[in-house]
Amino acid sequence: MALEKKLKKRNGEIVDFEPEKIGIAVQKAFAATLGEAHEADAKDIMRVVSDSLDLQYGNTAFIPSVEDIQDLVETALMV
């Protein structure tokens, strides 16, 4: 059984990581800047970020912060 991914919020609270929230946020950003949500692209970015989290933090006790995840989203957008 895989361990649940966790996330450290800005207020310090530790919560379950929900990749769907990344997809929603990226869709909203696309809609605001491009006029369309680009759902498929947002899902691709969500998968890239989730995979990156697994690679960087999957075998560690480190819990990434919101800022760490934002950095991964920015990197995924630049590719």
N, C-alpha and C. Protein backbone atom coordinates (compact mmCIF):
# COMPACT_ATOMS: atom_id res chain seq x y z
N MET A 1 0.84 -1.18 0.00
CA MET A 1 0.00 0.00 0.00
C MET A 1 0.89 1.25 0.00
N ALA A 2 0.62 2.17 -0.91
CA ALA A 2 1.42 3.40 -1.01
C ALA A 2 1.04 4.36 0.12
N LEU A 3 2.04 5.09 0.56
CA LEU A 3 1.78 6.09 1.58
C LEU A 3 1.05 7.27 0.98
N GLU A 4 0.18 7.88 1.76
CA GLU A 4 -0.51 9.08 1.32
C GLU A 4 0.48 10.22 1.25
N LYS A 5 0.42 10.98 0.18
CA LYS A 5 1.27 12.16 0.07
C LYS A 5 0.70 13.25 0.95
N LYS A 6 1.59 13.98 1.58
CA LYS A 6 1.19 15.07 2.45
C LYS A 6 1.73 16.39 1.91
N LEU A 7 1.19 17.48 2.41
CA LEU A 7 1.55 18.82 2.00
C LEU A 7 1.52 19.72 3.23
N LYS A 8 2.49 20.61 3.31
CA LYS A 8 2.52 21.57 4.41
C LYS A 8 1.98 22.90 3.91
N LYS A 9 0.85 23.30 4.47
CA LYS A 9 0.21 24.55 4.07
C LYS A 9 0.99 25.74 4.64
N ARG A 10 0.65 26.93 4.17
CA ARG A 10 1.35 28.14 4.62
C ARG A 10 1.22 28.37 6.13
N ASN A 11 0.10 27.92 6.70
CA ASN A 11 -0.10 28.11 8.14
C ASN A 11 0.56 27.01 8.97
N GLY A 12 1.28 26.09 8.29
CA GLY A 12 1.99 25.01 8.98
C GLY A 12 1.20 23.73 9.11
N GLU A 13 -0.07 23.76 8.78
CA GLU A 13 -0.92 22.56 8.87
C GLU A 13 -0.48 21.53 7.83
N ILE A 14 -0.45 20.27 8.23
CA ILE A 14 -0.12 19.17 7.34
C ILE A 14 -1.43 18.55 6.87
N VAL A 15 -1.61 18.49 5.55
CA VAL A 15 -2.85 17.95 4.97
C VAL A 15 -2.50 16.96 3.87
N ASP A 16 -3.50 16.19 3.45
CA ASP A 16 -3.31 15.28 2.32
C ASP A 16 -3.08 16.08 1.05
N PHE A 17 -2.18 15.61 0.21
CA PHE A 17 -1.92 16.23 -1.08
C PHE A 17 -3.02 15.80 -2.04
N GLU A 18 -3.66 16.77 -2.68
CA GLU A 18 -4.73 16.50 -3.63
C GLU A 18 -4.33 17.08 -4.99
N PRO A 19 -3.78 16.24 -5.88
CA PRO A 19 -3.31 16.75 -7.16
C PRO A 19 -4.40 17.42 -7.99
N GLU A 20 -5.64 17.03 -7.78
CA GLU A 20 -6.74 17.63 -8.53
C GLU A 20 -6.79 19.15 -8.31
N LYS A 21 -6.38 19.59 -7.13
CA LYS A 21 -6.39 21.03 -6.85
C LYS A 21 -5.40 21.78 -7.73
N ILE A 22 -4.31 21.12 -8.08
CA ILE A 22 -3.35 21.73 -8.99
C ILE A 22 -4.00 21.90 -10.36
N GLY A 23 -4.66 20.85 -10.83
CA GLY A 23 -5.33 20.92 -12.12
C GLY A 23 -6.36 22.03 -12.18
N ILE A 24 -7.13 22.19 -11.12
CA ILE A 24 -8.15 23.24 -11.06
C ILE A 24 -7.50 24.61 -11.08
N ALA A 25 -6.45 24.79 -10.28
CA ALA A 25 -5.76 26.09 -10.23
C ALA A 25 -5.15 26.45 -11.58
N VAL A 26 -4.55 25.46 -12.25
CA VAL A 26 -3.93 25.71 -13.56
C VAL A 26 -5.02 26.04 -14.58
N GLN A 27 -6.14 25.34 -14.54
CA GLN A 27 -7.26 25.65 -15.44
C GLN A 27 -7.74 27.08 -15.25
N LYS A 28 -7.86 27.50 -13.99
CA LYS A 28 -8.30 28.87 -13.71
C LYS A 28 -7.29 29.89 -14.21
N ALA A 29 -6.00 29.58 -14.06
CA ALA A 29 -4.96 30.49 -14.54
C ALA A 29 -5.00 30.58 -16.07
N PHE A 30 -5.17 29.43 -16.72
CA PHE A 30 -5.28 29.43 -18.18
C PHE A 30 -6.50 30.24 -18.63
N ALA A 31 -7.62 30.04 -17.97
CA ALA A 31 -8.84 30.76 -18.33
C ALA A 31 -8.67 32.26 -18.15
N ALA A 32 -8.00 32.65 -17.09
CA ALA A 32 -7.81 34.08 -16.81
C ALA A 32 -6.86 34.74 -17.80
N THR A 33 -5.86 33.99 -18.24
CA THR A 33 -4.85 34.59 -19.12
C THR A 33 -5.08 34.30 -20.60
N LEU A 34 -5.65 33.14 -20.90
CA LEU A 34 -5.80 32.72 -22.30
C LEU A 34 -7.26 32.72 -22.77
N GLY A 35 -8.18 32.87 -21.83
CA GLY A 35 -9.59 32.86 -22.20
C GLY A 35 -10.21 31.47 -22.28
N GLU A 36 -9.40 30.43 -22.12
CA GLU A 36 -9.88 29.04 -22.12
C GLU A 36 -9.20 28.27 -21.00
N ALA A 37 -9.88 27.26 -20.48
CA ALA A 37 -9.34 26.49 -19.35
C ALA A 37 -8.26 25.50 -19.76
N HIS A 38 -8.22 25.06 -21.02
CA HIS A 38 -7.23 24.08 -21.50
C HIS A 38 -7.12 22.90 -20.52
N GLU A 39 -8.25 22.24 -20.33
CA GLU A 39 -8.35 21.16 -19.33
C GLU A 39 -7.31 20.06 -19.53
N ALA A 40 -7.09 19.62 -20.76
CA ALA A 40 -6.13 18.54 -21.01
C ALA A 40 -4.72 18.97 -20.63
N ASP A 41 -4.34 20.20 -20.97
CA ASP A 41 -3.01 20.71 -20.62
C ASP A 41 -2.87 20.82 -19.11
N ALA A 42 -3.92 21.27 -18.43
CA ALA A 42 -3.88 21.40 -16.98
C ALA A 42 -3.70 20.03 -16.32
N LYS A 43 -4.36 19.01 -16.86
CA LYS A 43 -4.21 17.66 -16.31
C LYS A 43 -2.80 17.14 -16.55
N ASP A 44 -2.23 17.46 -17.71
CA ASP A 44 -0.85 17.05 -17.98
C ASP A 44 0.10 17.68 -16.96
N ILE A 45 -0.09 18.95 -16.68
CA ILE A 45 0.75 19.64 -15.70
C ILE A 45 0.57 19.03 -14.33
N MET A 46 -0.66 18.71 -13.98
CA MET A 46 -0.95 18.06 -12.70
C MET A 46 -0.18 16.75 -12.58
N ARG A 47 -0.16 15.95 -13.65
CA ARG A 47 0.56 14.67 -13.63
C ARG A 47 2.08 14.88 -13.52
N VAL A 48 2.59 15.87 -14.24
CA VAL A 48 4.03 16.16 -14.18
C VAL A 48 4.42 16.54 -12.76
N VAL A 49 3.63 17.39 -12.13
CA VAL A 49 3.93 17.82 -10.76
C VAL A 49 3.85 16.65 -9.80
N SER A 50 2.83 15.83 -9.93
CA SER A 50 2.69 14.66 -9.05
C SER A 50 3.86 13.70 -9.23
N ASP A 51 4.26 13.46 -10.48
CA ASP A 51 5.40 12.59 -10.74
C ASP A 51 6.69 13.19 -10.18
N SER A 52 6.85 14.50 -10.32
CA SER A 52 8.03 15.18 -9.79
C SER A 52 8.10 15.07 -8.27
N LEU A 53 6.94 15.18 -7.62
CA LEU A 53 6.90 15.01 -6.17
C LEU A 53 7.35 13.61 -5.78
N ASP A 54 6.88 12.61 -6.52
CA ASP A 54 7.28 11.23 -6.25
C ASP A 54 8.79 11.07 -6.39
N LEU A 55 9.35 11.63 -7.46
CA LEU A 55 10.79 11.50 -7.69
C LEU A 55 11.61 12.22 -6.63
N GLN A 56 11.20 13.43 -6.26
CA GLN A 56 11.99 14.23 -5.34
C GLN A 56 11.79 13.85 -3.88
N TYR A 57 10.56 13.49 -3.51
CA TYR A 57 10.25 13.32 -2.09
C TYR A 57 9.68 11.96 -1.74
N GLY A 58 9.49 11.09 -2.75
CA GLY A 58 8.80 9.82 -2.54
C GLY A 58 9.42 8.91 -1.51
N ASN A 59 10.73 8.88 -1.40
CA ASN A 59 11.40 7.97 -0.47
C ASN A 59 11.97 8.69 0.74
N THR A 60 11.42 9.85 1.06
CA THR A 60 11.92 10.62 2.19
C THR A 60 10.78 10.93 3.15
N ALA A 61 11.15 11.39 4.32
CA ALA A 61 10.15 11.81 5.30
C ALA A 61 9.80 13.28 5.12
N PHE A 62 10.47 13.94 4.17
CA PHE A 62 10.23 15.36 3.93
C PHE A 62 8.82 15.59 3.40
N ILE A 63 8.15 16.60 3.94
CA ILE A 63 6.81 16.97 3.48
C ILE A 63 6.94 18.29 2.74
N PRO A 64 6.65 18.30 1.44
CA PRO A 64 6.80 19.53 0.67
C PRO A 64 5.78 20.58 1.09
N SER A 65 6.17 21.82 0.91
CA SER A 65 5.28 22.94 1.24
C SER A 65 4.53 23.38 -0.01
N VAL A 66 3.56 24.24 0.18
CA VAL A 66 2.83 24.82 -0.94
C VAL A 66 3.81 25.50 -1.89
N GLU A 67 4.81 26.18 -1.35
CA GLU A 67 5.79 26.87 -2.17
C GLU A 67 6.61 25.88 -3.01
N ASP A 68 6.95 24.72 -2.43
CA ASP A 68 7.67 23.69 -3.19
C ASP A 68 6.83 23.24 -4.38
N ILE A 69 5.56 23.05 -4.15
CA ILE A 69 4.67 22.60 -5.22
C ILE A 69 4.49 23.70 -6.26
N GLN A 70 4.39 24.95 -5.82
CA GLN A 70 4.30 26.06 -6.77
C GLN A 70 5.53 26.11 -7.66
N ASP A 71 6.69 25.86 -7.09
CA ASP A 71 7.92 25.83 -7.89
C ASP A 71 7.85 24.73 -8.95
N LEU A 72 7.33 23.56 -8.57
CA LEU A 72 7.20 22.47 -9.53
C LEU A 72 6.20 22.81 -10.64
N VAL A 73 5.12 23.50 -10.28
CA VAL A 73 4.13 23.92 -11.29
C VAL A 73 4.78 24.90 -12.26
N GLU A 74 5.52 25.87 -11.73
CA GLU A 74 6.20 26.84 -12.59
C GLU A 74 7.18 26.14 -13.54
N THR A 75 7.91 25.18 -13.03
CA THR A 75 8.86 24.43 -13.87
C THR A 75 8.10 23.67 -14.96
N ALA A 76 6.99 23.04 -14.60
CA ALA A 76 6.19 22.28 -15.57
C ALA A 76 5.62 23.21 -16.65
N LEU A 77 5.26 24.42 -16.28
CA LEU A 77 4.72 25.37 -17.25
C LEU A 77 5.78 25.85 -18.23
N MET A 78 7.04 25.88 -17.79
CA MET A 78 8.12 26.36 -18.64
C MET A 78 8.57 25.34 -19.67
N VAL A 79 8.23 24.07 -19.44
CA VAL A 79 8.71 23.02 -20.34
C VAL A 79 7.90 22.98 -21.62
